[in-house]
Amino acid sequence: VIENFRNHTEEEHGIDYSKEAIMQFLLR
């Protein structure tokens, strides 16, 4: 999920989230 969400947001929305940021999304 982390890898797929990161790839999607970078390619489609131009935002490069770190793995740590995505992990925080999941934990919250």
mmCIF file of all heavy atoms, coordinates in Angstrom:
data_MODEL
# 
_entry.id   MODEL 
# 
loop_
_atom_site.group_PDB 
_atom_site.id 
_atom_site.type_symbol 
_atom_site.label_atom_id 
_atom_site.label_alt_id 
_atom_site.label_comp_id 
_atom_site.label_asym_id 
_atom_site.label_entity_id 
_atom_site.label_seq_id 
_atom_site.pdbx_PDB_ins_code 
_atom_site.Cartn_x 
_atom_site.Cartn_y 
_atom_site.Cartn_z 
_atom_site.occupancy 
_atom_site.B_iso_or_equiv 
_atom_site.pdbx_formal_charge 
_atom_site.auth_seq_id 
_atom_site.auth_comp_id 
_atom_site.auth_asym_id 
_atom_site.auth_atom_id 
_atom_site.pdbx_PDB_model_num 
ATOM 1   N N   . VAL A 1 1  ? 0.840  -1.203 0.000   1.00 0.00 ? 1  VAL A N   1 
ATOM 2   C CA  . VAL A 1 1  ? 0.000  0.000  0.000   1.00 0.00 ? 1  VAL A CA  1 
ATOM 3   C C   . VAL A 1 1  ? 0.873  1.250  0.000   1.00 0.00 ? 1  VAL A C   1 
ATOM 4   O O   . VAL A 1 1  ? 0.627  2.192  -0.751  1.00 0.00 ? 1  VAL A O   1 
ATOM 5   C CB  . VAL A 1 1  ? -0.968 -0.002 1.203   1.00 0.00 ? 1  VAL A CB  1 
ATOM 6   C CG1 . VAL A 1 1  ? -1.652 1.342  1.361   1.00 0.00 ? 1  VAL A CG1 1 
ATOM 7   C CG2 . VAL A 1 1  ? -1.993 -1.110 1.041   1.00 0.00 ? 1  VAL A CG2 1 
ATOM 8   N N   . ILE A 1 2  ? 1.900  1.248  0.840   1.00 0.00 ? 2  ILE A N   1 
ATOM 9   C CA  . ILE A 1 2  ? 2.799  2.407  0.917   1.00 0.00 ? 2  ILE A CA  1 
ATOM 10  C C   . ILE A 1 2  ? 3.428  2.667  -0.444  1.00 0.00 ? 2  ILE A C   1 
ATOM 11  O O   . ILE A 1 2  ? 3.416  3.800  -0.949  1.00 0.00 ? 2  ILE A O   1 
ATOM 12  C CB  . ILE A 1 2  ? 3.888  2.181  1.994   1.00 0.00 ? 2  ILE A CB  1 
ATOM 13  C CG1 . ILE A 1 2  ? 3.256  2.230  3.381   1.00 0.00 ? 2  ILE A CG1 1 
ATOM 14  C CG2 . ILE A 1 2  ? 4.997  3.219  1.870   1.00 0.00 ? 2  ILE A CG2 1 
ATOM 15  C CD1 . ILE A 1 2  ? 4.171  1.761  4.502   1.00 0.00 ? 2  ILE A CD1 1 
ATOM 16  N N   . GLU A 1 3  ? 3.974  1.635  -1.064  1.00 0.00 ? 3  GLU A N   1 
ATOM 17  C CA  . GLU A 1 3  ? 4.650  1.798  -2.351  1.00 0.00 ? 3  GLU A CA  1 
ATOM 18  C C   . GLU A 1 3  ? 3.676  2.231  -3.453  1.00 0.00 ? 3  GLU A C   1 
ATOM 19  O O   . GLU A 1 3  ? 3.958  3.156  -4.217  1.00 0.00 ? 3  GLU A O   1 
ATOM 20  C CB  . GLU A 1 3  ? 5.352  0.490  -2.742  1.00 0.00 ? 3  GLU A CB  1 
ATOM 21  C CG  . GLU A 1 3  ? 6.336  0.651  -3.859  1.00 0.00 ? 3  GLU A CG  1 
ATOM 22  C CD  . GLU A 1 3  ? 7.488  1.594  -3.533  1.00 0.00 ? 3  GLU A CD  1 
ATOM 23  O OE1 . GLU A 1 3  ? 7.904  1.694  -2.360  1.00 0.00 ? 3  GLU A OE1 1 
ATOM 24  O OE2 . GLU A 1 3  ? 7.975  2.246  -4.469  1.00 0.00 ? 3  GLU A OE2 1 
ATOM 25  N N   . ASN A 1 4  ? 2.515  1.590  -3.519  1.00 0.00 ? 4  ASN A N   1 
ATOM 26  C CA  . ASN A 1 4  ? 1.532  1.930  -4.557  1.00 0.00 ? 4  ASN A CA  1 
ATOM 27  C C   . ASN A 1 4  ? 0.985  3.346  -4.385  1.00 0.00 ? 4  ASN A C   1 
ATOM 28  O O   . ASN A 1 4  ? 0.823  4.082  -5.361  1.00 0.00 ? 4  ASN A O   1 
ATOM 29  C CB  . ASN A 1 4  ? 0.386  0.919  -4.571  1.00 0.00 ? 4  ASN A CB  1 
ATOM 30  C CG  . ASN A 1 4  ? 0.801  -0.425 -5.103  1.00 0.00 ? 4  ASN A CG  1 
ATOM 31  O OD1 . ASN A 1 4  ? 1.815  -0.560 -5.782  1.00 0.00 ? 4  ASN A OD1 1 
ATOM 32  N ND2 . ASN A 1 4  ? 0.023  -1.444 -4.793  1.00 0.00 ? 4  ASN A ND2 1 
ATOM 33  N N   . PHE A 1 5  ? 0.702  3.742  -3.133  1.00 0.00 ? 5  PHE A N   1 
ATOM 34  C CA  . PHE A 1 5  ? 0.172  5.085  -2.888  1.00 0.00 ? 5  PHE A CA  1 
ATOM 35  C C   . PHE A 1 5  ? 1.222  6.142  -3.204  1.00 0.00 ? 5  PHE A C   1 
ATOM 36  O O   . PHE A 1 5  ? 0.919  7.161  -3.822  1.00 0.00 ? 5  PHE A O   1 
ATOM 37  C CB  . PHE A 1 5  ? -0.321 5.208  -1.440  1.00 0.00 ? 5  PHE A CB  1 
ATOM 38  C CG  . PHE A 1 5  ? -1.205 6.401  -1.205  1.00 0.00 ? 5  PHE A CG  1 
ATOM 39  C CD1 . PHE A 1 5  ? -2.527 6.387  -1.620  1.00 0.00 ? 5  PHE A CD1 1 
ATOM 40  C CD2 . PHE A 1 5  ? -0.731 7.527  -0.560  1.00 0.00 ? 5  PHE A CD2 1 
ATOM 41  C CE1 . PHE A 1 5  ? -3.355 7.487  -1.404  1.00 0.00 ? 5  PHE A CE1 1 
ATOM 42  C CE2 . PHE A 1 5  ? -1.543 8.632  -0.332  1.00 0.00 ? 5  PHE A CE2 1 
ATOM 43  C CZ  . PHE A 1 5  ? -2.854 8.605  -0.757  1.00 0.00 ? 5  PHE A CZ  1 
ATOM 44  N N   . ARG A 1 6  ? 2.463  5.894  -2.801  1.00 0.00 ? 6  ARG A N   1 
ATOM 45  C CA  . ARG A 1 6  ? 3.561  6.836  -3.104  1.00 0.00 ? 6  ARG A CA  1 
ATOM 46  C C   . ARG A 1 6  ? 3.721  7.006  -4.614  1.00 0.00 ? 6  ARG A C   1 
ATOM 47  O O   . ARG A 1 6  ? 3.842  8.129  -5.111  1.00 0.00 ? 6  ARG A O   1 
ATOM 48  C CB  . ARG A 1 6  ? 4.878  6.335  -2.526  1.00 0.00 ? 6  ARG A CB  1 
ATOM 49  C CG  . ARG A 1 6  ? 5.025  6.539  -1.054  1.00 0.00 ? 6  ARG A CG  1 
ATOM 50  C CD  . ARG A 1 6  ? 6.431  6.216  -0.590  1.00 0.00 ? 6  ARG A CD  1 
ATOM 51  N NE  . ARG A 1 6  ? 7.300  7.319  -0.995  1.00 0.00 ? 6  ARG A NE  1 
ATOM 52  C CZ  . ARG A 1 6  ? 8.552  7.167  -1.422  1.00 0.00 ? 6  ARG A CZ  1 
ATOM 53  N NH1 . ARG A 1 6  ? 9.086  5.977  -1.525  1.00 0.00 ? 6  ARG A NH1 1 
ATOM 54  N NH2 . ARG A 1 6  ? 9.265  8.202  -1.751  1.00 0.00 ? 6  ARG A NH2 1 
ATOM 55  N N   . ASN A 1 7  ? 3.772  5.878  -5.336  1.00 0.00 ? 7  ASN A N   1 
ATOM 56  C CA  . ASN A 1 7  ? 3.940  5.949  -6.791  1.00 0.00 ? 7  ASN A CA  1 
ATOM 57  C C   . ASN A 1 7  ? 2.795  6.703  -7.435  1.00 0.00 ? 7  ASN A C   1 
ATOM 58  O O   . ASN A 1 7  ? 3.008  7.558  -8.303  1.00 0.00 ? 7  ASN A O   1 
ATOM 59  C CB  . ASN A 1 7  ? 4.046  4.542  -7.389  1.00 0.00 ? 7  ASN A CB  1 
ATOM 60  C CG  . ASN A 1 7  ? 5.339  3.856  -7.041  1.00 0.00 ? 7  ASN A CG  1 
ATOM 61  O OD1 . ASN A 1 7  ? 6.329  4.498  -6.688  1.00 0.00 ? 7  ASN A OD1 1 
ATOM 62  N ND2 . ASN A 1 7  ? 5.343  2.536  -7.119  1.00 0.00 ? 7  ASN A ND2 1 
ATOM 63  N N   . HIS A 1 8  ? 1.581  6.414  -7.023  1.00 0.00 ? 8  HIS A N   1 
ATOM 64  C CA  . HIS A 1 8  ? 0.412  7.077  -7.604  1.00 0.00 ? 8  HIS A CA  1 
ATOM 65  C C   . HIS A 1 8  ? 0.420  8.578  -7.336  1.00 0.00 ? 8  HIS A C   1 
ATOM 66  O O   . HIS A 1 8  ? 0.224  9.367  -8.263  1.00 0.00 ? 8  HIS A O   1 
ATOM 67  C CB  . HIS A 1 8  ? -0.878 6.461  -7.057  1.00 0.00 ? 8  HIS A CB  1 
ATOM 68  C CG  . HIS A 1 8  ? -2.094 7.217  -7.468  1.00 0.00 ? 8  HIS A CG  1 
ATOM 69  N ND1 . HIS A 1 8  ? -2.650 7.122  -8.731  1.00 0.00 ? 8  HIS A ND1 1 
ATOM 70  C CD2 . HIS A 1 8  ? -2.845 8.129  -6.802  1.00 0.00 ? 8  HIS A CD2 1 
ATOM 71  C CE1 . HIS A 1 8  ? -3.690 7.938  -8.807  1.00 0.00 ? 8  HIS A CE1 1 
ATOM 72  N NE2 . HIS A 1 8  ? -3.829 8.556  -7.645  1.00 0.00 ? 8  HIS A NE2 1 
ATOM 73  N N   . THR A 1 9  ? 0.645  8.975  -6.078  1.00 0.00 ? 9  THR A N   1 
ATOM 74  C CA  . THR A 1 9  ? 0.580  10.412 -5.773  1.00 0.00 ? 9  THR A CA  1 
ATOM 75  C C   . THR A 1 9  ? 1.690  11.184 -6.468  1.00 0.00 ? 9  THR A C   1 
ATOM 76  O O   . THR A 1 9  ? 1.480  12.329 -6.873  1.00 0.00 ? 9  THR A O   1 
ATOM 77  C CB  . THR A 1 9  ? 0.620  10.685 -4.251  1.00 0.00 ? 9  THR A CB  1 
ATOM 78  O OG1 . THR A 1 9  ? 1.766  10.074 -3.676  1.00 0.00 ? 9  THR A OG1 1 
ATOM 79  C CG2 . THR A 1 9  ? -0.640 10.177 -3.568  1.00 0.00 ? 9  THR A CG2 1 
ATOM 80  N N   . GLU A 1 10 ? 2.848  10.561 -6.642  1.00 0.00 ? 10 GLU A N   1 
ATOM 81  C CA  . GLU A 1 10 ? 3.926  11.248 -7.350  1.00 0.00 ? 10 GLU A CA  1 
ATOM 82  C C   . GLU A 1 10 ? 3.612  11.374 -8.840  1.00 0.00 ? 10 GLU A C   1 
ATOM 83  O O   . GLU A 1 10 ? 3.737  12.453 -9.416  1.00 0.00 ? 10 GLU A O   1 
ATOM 84  C CB  . GLU A 1 10 ? 5.254  10.522 -7.157  1.00 0.00 ? 10 GLU A CB  1 
ATOM 85  C CG  . GLU A 1 10 ? 6.402  11.263 -7.812  1.00 0.00 ? 10 GLU A CG  1 
ATOM 86  C CD  . GLU A 1 10 ? 7.760  10.663 -7.503  1.00 0.00 ? 10 GLU A CD  1 
ATOM 87  O OE1 . GLU A 1 10 ? 7.826  9.600  -6.857  1.00 0.00 ? 10 GLU A OE1 1 
ATOM 88  O OE2 . GLU A 1 10 ? 8.745  11.274 -7.921  1.00 0.00 ? 10 GLU A OE2 1 
ATOM 89  N N   . GLU A 1 11 ? 3.165  10.292 -9.449  1.00 0.00 ? 11 GLU A N   1 
ATOM 90  C CA  . GLU A 1 11 ? 2.911  10.296 -10.894 1.00 0.00 ? 11 GLU A CA  1 
ATOM 91  C C   . GLU A 1 11 ? 1.666  11.101 -11.275 1.00 0.00 ? 11 GLU A C   1 
ATOM 92  O O   . GLU A 1 11 ? 1.671  11.819 -12.270 1.00 0.00 ? 11 GLU A O   1 
ATOM 93  C CB  . GLU A 1 11 ? 2.760  8.858  -11.396 1.00 0.00 ? 11 GLU A CB  1 
ATOM 94  C CG  . GLU A 1 11 ? 4.055  8.074  -11.338 1.00 0.00 ? 11 GLU A CG  1 
ATOM 95  C CD  . GLU A 1 11 ? 3.869  6.597  -11.632 1.00 0.00 ? 11 GLU A CD  1 
ATOM 96  O OE1 . GLU A 1 11 ? 2.765  6.194  -12.059 1.00 0.00 ? 11 GLU A OE1 1 
ATOM 97  O OE2 . GLU A 1 11 ? 4.838  5.841  -11.424 1.00 0.00 ? 11 GLU A OE2 1 
ATOM 98  N N   . GLU A 1 12 ? 0.602  10.962 -10.496 1.00 0.00 ? 12 GLU A N   1 
ATOM 99  C CA  . GLU A 1 12 ? -0.680 11.587 -10.864 1.00 0.00 ? 12 GLU A CA  1 
ATOM 100 C C   . GLU A 1 12 ? -0.903 12.963 -10.242 1.00 0.00 ? 12 GLU A C   1 
ATOM 101 O O   . GLU A 1 12 ? -1.603 13.785 -10.822 1.00 0.00 ? 12 GLU A O   1 
ATOM 102 C CB  . GLU A 1 12 ? -1.844 10.668 -10.475 1.00 0.00 ? 12 GLU A CB  1 
ATOM 103 C CG  . GLU A 1 12 ? -1.848 9.348  -11.204 1.00 0.00 ? 12 GLU A CG  1 
ATOM 104 C CD  . GLU A 1 12 ? -2.003 9.498  -12.715 1.00 0.00 ? 12 GLU A CD  1 
ATOM 105 O OE1 . GLU A 1 12 ? -2.786 10.358 -13.162 1.00 0.00 ? 12 GLU A OE1 1 
ATOM 106 O OE2 . GLU A 1 12 ? -1.327 8.756  -13.443 1.00 0.00 ? 12 GLU A OE2 1 
ATOM 107 N N   . HIS A 1 13 ? -0.353 13.197 -9.052  1.00 0.00 ? 13 HIS A N   1 
ATOM 108 C CA  . HIS A 1 13 ? -0.636 14.445 -8.345  1.00 0.00 ? 13 HIS A CA  1 
ATOM 109 C C   . HIS A 1 13 ? 0.602  15.305 -8.122  1.00 0.00 ? 13 HIS A C   1 
ATOM 110 O O   . HIS A 1 13 ? 0.502  16.406 -7.577  1.00 0.00 ? 13 HIS A O   1 
ATOM 111 C CB  . HIS A 1 13 ? -1.308 14.138 -6.997  1.00 0.00 ? 13 HIS A CB  1 
ATOM 112 C CG  . HIS A 1 13 ? -2.537 13.296 -7.126  1.00 0.00 ? 13 HIS A CG  1 
ATOM 113 N ND1 . HIS A 1 13 ? -3.674 13.713 -7.782  1.00 0.00 ? 13 HIS A ND1 1 
ATOM 114 C CD2 . HIS A 1 13 ? -2.802 12.038 -6.691  1.00 0.00 ? 13 HIS A CD2 1 
ATOM 115 C CE1 . HIS A 1 13 ? -4.585 12.763 -7.742  1.00 0.00 ? 13 HIS A CE1 1 
ATOM 116 N NE2 . HIS A 1 13 ? -4.078 11.723 -7.088  1.00 0.00 ? 13 HIS A NE2 1 
ATOM 117 N N   . GLY A 1 14 ? 1.779  14.798 -8.482  1.00 0.00 ? 14 GLY A N   1 
ATOM 118 C CA  . GLY A 1 14 ? 3.005  15.564 -8.367  1.00 0.00 ? 14 GLY A CA  1 
ATOM 119 C C   . GLY A 1 14 ? 3.494  15.758 -6.946  1.00 0.00 ? 14 GLY A C   1 
ATOM 120 O O   . GLY A 1 14 ? 4.246  16.684 -6.660  1.00 0.00 ? 14 GLY A O   1 
ATOM 121 N N   . ILE A 1 15 ? 3.088  14.869 -6.031  1.00 0.00 ? 15 ILE A N   1 
ATOM 122 C CA  . ILE A 1 15 ? 3.496  14.978 -4.634  1.00 0.00 ? 15 ILE A CA  1 
ATOM 123 C C   . ILE A 1 15 ? 4.326  13.748 -4.278  1.00 0.00 ? 15 ILE A C   1 
ATOM 124 O O   . ILE A 1 15 ? 3.882  12.616 -4.454  1.00 0.00 ? 15 ILE A O   1 
ATOM 125 C CB  . ILE A 1 15 ? 2.281  15.079 -3.697  1.00 0.00 ? 15 ILE A CB  1 
ATOM 126 C CG1 . ILE A 1 15 ? 1.496  16.341 -4.024  1.00 0.00 ? 15 ILE A CG1 1 
ATOM 127 C CG2 . ILE A 1 15 ? 2.724  15.079 -2.232  1.00 0.00 ? 15 ILE A CG2 1 
ATOM 128 C CD1 . ILE A 1 15 ? 0.198  16.469 -3.277  1.00 0.00 ? 15 ILE A CD1 1 
ATOM 129 N N   . ASP A 1 16 ? 5.529  13.982 -3.763  1.00 0.00 ? 16 ASP A N   1 
ATOM 130 C CA  . ASP A 1 16 ? 6.436  12.894 -3.400  1.00 0.00 ? 16 ASP A CA  1 
ATOM 131 C C   . ASP A 1 16 ? 6.416  12.716 -1.884  1.00 0.00 ? 16 ASP A C   1 
ATOM 132 O O   . ASP A 1 16 ? 7.208  13.312 -1.164  1.00 0.00 ? 16 ASP A O   1 
ATOM 133 C CB  . ASP A 1 16 ? 7.854  13.210 -3.893  1.00 0.00 ? 16 ASP A CB  1 
ATOM 134 C CG  . ASP A 1 16 ? 8.829  12.087 -3.619  1.00 0.00 ? 16 ASP A CG  1 
ATOM 135 O OD1 . ASP A 1 16 ? 8.385  10.954 -3.341  1.00 0.00 ? 16 ASP A OD1 1 
ATOM 136 O OD2 . ASP A 1 16 ? 10.044 12.337 -3.672  1.00 0.00 ? 16 ASP A OD2 1 
ATOM 137 N N   . TYR A 1 17 ? 5.461  11.898 -1.407  1.00 0.00 ? 17 TYR A N   1 
ATOM 138 C CA  . TYR A 1 17 ? 5.388  11.609 0.024   1.00 0.00 ? 17 TYR A CA  1 
ATOM 139 C C   . TYR A 1 17 ? 6.507  10.642 0.405   1.00 0.00 ? 17 TYR A C   1 
ATOM 140 O O   . TYR A 1 17 ? 6.820  9.719  -0.344  1.00 0.00 ? 17 TYR A O   1 
ATOM 141 C CB  . TYR A 1 17 ? 4.055  10.948 0.386   1.00 0.00 ? 17 TYR A CB  1 
ATOM 142 C CG  . TYR A 1 17 ? 2.858  11.853 0.339   1.00 0.00 ? 17 TYR A CG  1 
ATOM 143 C CD1 . TYR A 1 17 ? 1.857  11.666 -0.597  1.00 0.00 ? 17 TYR A CD1 1 
ATOM 144 C CD2 . TYR A 1 17 ? 2.713  12.885 1.259   1.00 0.00 ? 17 TYR A CD2 1 
ATOM 145 C CE1 . TYR A 1 17 ? 0.738  12.475 -0.634  1.00 0.00 ? 17 TYR A CE1 1 
ATOM 146 C CE2 . TYR A 1 17 ? 1.598  13.709 1.234   1.00 0.00 ? 17 TYR A CE2 1 
ATOM 147 C CZ  . TYR A 1 17 ? 0.615  13.491 0.284   1.00 0.00 ? 17 TYR A CZ  1 
ATOM 148 O OH  . TYR A 1 17 ? -0.483 14.303 0.261   1.00 0.00 ? 17 TYR A OH  1 
ATOM 149 N N   . SER A 1 18 ? 7.072  10.796 1.585   1.00 0.00 ? 18 SER A N   1 
ATOM 150 C CA  . SER A 1 18 ? 8.065  9.839  2.084   1.00 0.00 ? 18 SER A CA  1 
ATOM 151 C C   . SER A 1 18 ? 7.334  8.586  2.565   1.00 0.00 ? 18 SER A C   1 
ATOM 152 O O   . SER A 1 18 ? 6.130  8.614  2.854   1.00 0.00 ? 18 SER A O   1 
ATOM 153 C CB  . SER A 1 18 ? 8.852  10.447 3.242   1.00 0.00 ? 18 SER A CB  1 
ATOM 154 O OG  . SER A 1 18 ? 8.010  10.620 4.363   1.00 0.00 ? 18 SER A OG  1 
ATOM 155 N N   . LYS A 1 19 ? 8.083  7.504  2.703   1.00 0.00 ? 19 LYS A N   1 
ATOM 156 C CA  . LYS A 1 19 ? 7.505  6.273  3.249   1.00 0.00 ? 19 LYS A CA  1 
ATOM 157 C C   . LYS A 1 19 ? 6.972  6.517  4.655   1.00 0.00 ? 19 LYS A C   1 
ATOM 158 O O   . LYS A 1 19 ? 5.934  5.987  5.037   1.00 0.00 ? 19 LYS A O   1 
ATOM 159 C CB  . LYS A 1 19 ? 8.536  5.145  3.275   1.00 0.00 ? 19 LYS A CB  1 
ATOM 160 C CG  . LYS A 1 19 ? 8.848  4.580  1.926   1.00 0.00 ? 19 LYS A CG  1 
ATOM 161 C CD  . LYS A 1 19 ? 9.792  3.407  2.030   1.00 0.00 ? 19 LYS A CD  1 
ATOM 162 C CE  . LYS A 1 19 ? 10.052 2.843  0.641   1.00 0.00 ? 19 LYS A CE  1 
ATOM 163 N NZ  . LYS A 1 19 ? 10.927 1.670  0.684   1.00 0.00 ? 19 LYS A NZ  1 
ATOM 164 N N   . GLU A 1 20 ? 7.689  7.338  5.413   1.00 0.00 ? 20 GLU A N   1 
ATOM 165 C CA  . GLU A 1 20 ? 7.283  7.636  6.784   1.00 0.00 ? 20 GLU A CA  1 
ATOM 166 C C   . GLU A 1 20 ? 5.952  8.388  6.823   1.00 0.00 ? 20 GLU A C   1 
ATOM 167 O O   . GLU A 1 20 ? 5.124  8.146  7.696   1.00 0.00 ? 20 GLU A O   1 
ATOM 168 C CB  . GLU A 1 20 ? 8.367  8.446  7.504   1.00 0.00 ? 20 GLU A CB  1 
ATOM 169 C CG  . GLU A 1 20 ? 9.642  7.673  7.762   1.00 0.00 ? 20 GLU A CG  1 
ATOM 170 C CD  . GLU A 1 20 ? 10.554 7.547  6.531   1.00 0.00 ? 20 GLU A CD  1 
ATOM 171 O OE1 . GLU A 1 20 ? 10.358 8.281  5.524   1.00 0.00 ? 20 GLU A OE1 1 
ATOM 172 O OE2 . GLU A 1 20 ? 11.457 6.698  6.570   1.00 0.00 ? 20 GLU A OE2 1 
ATOM 173 N N   . ALA A 1 21 ? 5.752  9.310  5.882   1.00 0.00 ? 21 ALA A N   1 
ATOM 174 C CA  . ALA A 1 21 ? 4.495  10.066 5.832   1.00 0.00 ? 21 ALA A CA  1 
ATOM 175 C C   . ALA A 1 21 ? 3.323  9.139  5.526   1.00 0.00 ? 21 ALA A C   1 
ATOM 176 O O   . ALA A 1 21 ? 2.263  9.236  6.163   1.00 0.00 ? 21 ALA A O   1 
ATOM 177 C CB  . ALA A 1 21 ? 4.580  11.168 4.780   1.00 0.00 ? 21 ALA A CB  1 
ATOM 178 N N   . ILE A 1 22 ? 3.515  8.224  4.583   1.00 0.00 ? 22 ILE A N   1 
ATOM 179 C CA  . ILE A 1 22 ? 2.448  7.286  4.240   1.00 0.00 ? 22 ILE A CA  1 
ATOM 180 C C   . ILE A 1 22 ? 2.171  6.359  5.426   1.00 0.00 ? 22 ILE A C   1 
ATOM 181 O O   . ILE A 1 22 ? 1.013  6.042  5.714   1.00 0.00 ? 22 ILE A O   1 
ATOM 182 C CB  . ILE A 1 22 ? 2.812  6.459  2.985   1.00 0.00 ? 22 ILE A CB  1 
ATOM 183 C CG1 . ILE A 1 22 ? 3.110  7.366  1.793   1.00 0.00 ? 22 ILE A CG1 1 
ATOM 184 C CG2 . ILE A 1 22 ? 1.694  5.482  2.654   1.00 0.00 ? 22 ILE A CG2 1 
ATOM 185 C CD1 . ILE A 1 22 ? 1.979  8.223  1.319   1.00 0.00 ? 22 ILE A CD1 1 
ATOM 186 N N   . MET A 1 23 ? 3.212  5.952  6.134   1.00 0.00 ? 23 MET A N   1 
ATOM 187 C CA  . MET A 1 23 ? 3.034  5.112  7.316   1.00 0.00 ? 23 MET A CA  1 
ATOM 188 C C   . MET A 1 23 ? 2.194  5.846  8.355   1.00 0.00 ? 23 MET A C   1 
ATOM 189 O O   . MET A 1 23 ? 1.312  5.255  8.978   1.00 0.00 ? 23 MET A O   1 
ATOM 190 C CB  . MET A 1 23 ? 4.391  4.730  7.916   1.00 0.00 ? 23 MET A CB  1 
ATOM 191 C CG  . MET A 1 23 ? 4.285  3.856  9.141   1.00 0.00 ? 23 MET A CG  1 
ATOM 192 S SD  . MET A 1 23 ? 3.553  2.257  8.832   1.00 0.00 ? 23 MET A SD  1 
ATOM 193 C CE  . MET A 1 23 ? 4.931  1.430  8.073   1.00 0.00 ? 23 MET A CE  1 
ATOM 194 N N   . GLN A 1 24 ? 2.434  7.138  8.518   1.00 0.00 ? 24 GLN A N   1 
ATOM 195 C CA  . GLN A 1 24 ? 1.622  7.938  9.442   1.00 0.00 ? 24 GLN A CA  1 
ATOM 196 C C   . GLN A 1 24 ? 0.159  7.994  9.007   1.00 0.00 ? 24 GLN A C   1 
ATOM 197 O O   . GLN A 1 24 ? -0.735 7.917  9.839   1.00 0.00 ? 24 GLN A O   1 
ATOM 198 C CB  . GLN A 1 24 ? 2.190  9.356  9.583   1.00 0.00 ? 24 GLN A CB  1 
ATOM 199 C CG  . GLN A 1 24 ? 3.454  9.419  10.377  1.00 0.00 ? 24 GLN A CG  1 
ATOM 200 C CD  . GLN A 1 24 ? 3.265  8.953  11.802  1.00 0.00 ? 24 GLN A CD  1 
ATOM 201 O OE1 . GLN A 1 24 ? 2.312  9.309  12.474  1.00 0.00 ? 24 GLN A OE1 1 
ATOM 202 N NE2 . GLN A 1 24 ? 4.176  8.115  12.252  1.00 0.00 ? 24 GLN A NE2 1 
ATOM 203 N N   . PHE A 1 25 ? -0.080 8.126  7.691   1.00 0.00 ? 25 PHE A N   1 
ATOM 204 C CA  . PHE A 1 25 ? -1.467 8.086  7.193   1.00 0.00 ? 25 PHE A CA  1 
ATOM 205 C C   . PHE A 1 25 ? -2.141 6.787  7.616   1.00 0.00 ? 25 PHE A C   1 
ATOM 206 O O   . PHE A 1 25 ? -3.277 6.787  8.106   1.00 0.00 ? 25 PHE A O   1 
ATOM 207 C CB  . PHE A 1 25 ? -1.502 8.160  5.655   1.00 0.00 ? 25 PHE A CB  1 
ATOM 208 C CG  . PHE A 1 25 ? -1.086 9.462  5.037   1.00 0.00 ? 25 PHE A CG  1 
ATOM 209 C CD1 . PHE A 1 25 ? -0.787 9.505  3.686   1.00 0.00 ? 25 PHE A CD1 1 
ATOM 210 C CD2 . PHE A 1 25 ? -0.969 10.632 5.766   1.00 0.00 ? 25 PHE A CD2 1 
ATOM 211 C CE1 . PHE A 1 25 ? -0.423 10.697 3.072   1.00 0.00 ? 25 PHE A CE1 1 
ATOM 212 C CE2 . PHE A 1 25 ? -0.586 11.820 5.178   1.00 0.00 ? 25 PHE A CE2 1 
ATOM 213 C CZ  . PHE A 1 25 ? -0.313 11.853 3.824   1.00 0.00 ? 25 PHE A CZ  1 
ATOM 214 N N   . LEU A 1 26 ? -1.440 5.670  7.422   1.00 0.00 ? 26 LEU A N   1 
ATOM 215 C CA  . LEU A 1 26 ? -2.000 4.361  7.761   1.00 0.00 ? 26 LEU A CA  1 
ATOM 216 C C   . LEU A 1 26 ? -2.233 4.218  9.258   1.00 0.00 ? 26 LEU A C   1 
ATOM 217 O O   . LEU A 1 26 ? -3.289 3.722  9.691   1.00 0.00 ? 26 LEU A O   1 
ATOM 218 C CB  . LEU A 1 26 ? -1.070 3.241  7.269   1.00 0.00 ? 26 LEU A CB  1 
ATOM 219 C CG  . LEU A 1 26 ? -1.075 2.991  5.777   1.00 0.00 ? 26 LEU A CG  1 
ATOM 220 C CD1 . LEU A 1 26 ? 0.089  2.109  5.375   1.00 0.00 ? 26 LEU A CD1 1 
ATOM 221 C CD2 . LEU A 1 26 ? -2.391 2.366  5.331   1.00 0.00 ? 26 LEU A CD2 1 
ATOM 222 N N   . LEU A 1 27 ? -1.289 4.665  10.073  1.00 0.00 ? 27 LEU A N   1 
ATOM 223 C CA  . LEU A 1 27 ? -1.441 4.559  11.521  1.00 0.00 ? 27 LEU A CA  1 
ATOM 224 C C   . LEU A 1 27 ? -2.593 5.421  12.024  1.00 0.00 ? 27 LEU A C   1 
ATOM 225 O O   . LEU A 1 27 ? -3.377 4.986  12.882  1.00 0.00 ? 27 LEU A O   1 
ATOM 226 C CB  . LEU A 1 27 ? -0.144 4.935  12.223  1.00 0.00 ? 27 LEU A CB  1 
ATOM 227 C CG  . LEU A 1 27 ? 1.022  3.964  12.006  1.00 0.00 ? 27 LEU A CG  1 
ATOM 228 C CD1 . LEU A 1 27 ? 2.295  4.533  12.626  1.00 0.00 ? 27 LEU A CD1 1 
ATOM 229 C CD2 . LEU A 1 27 ? 0.704  2.600  12.567  1.00 0.00 ? 27 LEU A CD2 1 
ATOM 230 N N   . ARG A 1 28 ? -2.720 6.621  11.515  1.00 0.00 ? 28 ARG A N   1 
ATOM 231 C CA  . ARG A 1 28 ? -3.838 7.508  11.926  1.00 0.00 ? 28 ARG A CA  1 
ATOM 232 C C   . ARG A 1 28 ? -5.169 6.900  11.518  1.00 0.00 ? 28 ARG A C   1 
ATOM 233 O O   . ARG A 1 28 ? -6.143 6.980  12.268  1.00 0.00 ? 28 ARG A O   1 
ATOM 234 C CB  . ARG A 1 28 ? -3.676 8.887  11.302  1.00 0.00 ? 28 ARG A CB  1 
ATOM 235 C CG  . ARG A 1 28 ? -2.626 9.698  11.964  1.00 0.00 ? 28 ARG A CG  1 
ATOM 236 C CD  . ARG A 1 28 ? -2.618 11.119 11.444  1.00 0.00 ? 28 ARG A CD  1 
ATOM 237 N NE  . ARG A 1 28 ? -1.346 11.736 11.760  1.00 0.00 ? 28 ARG A NE  1 
ATOM 238 C CZ  . ARG A 1 28 ? -0.548 12.314 10.898  1.00 0.00 ? 28 ARG A CZ  1 
ATOM 239 N NH1 . ARG A 1 28 ? -0.890 12.407 9.627   1.00 0.00 ? 28 ARG A NH1 1 
ATOM 240 N NH2 . ARG A 1 28 ? 0.588  12.826 11.274  1.00 0.00 ? 28 ARG A NH2 1 
# 
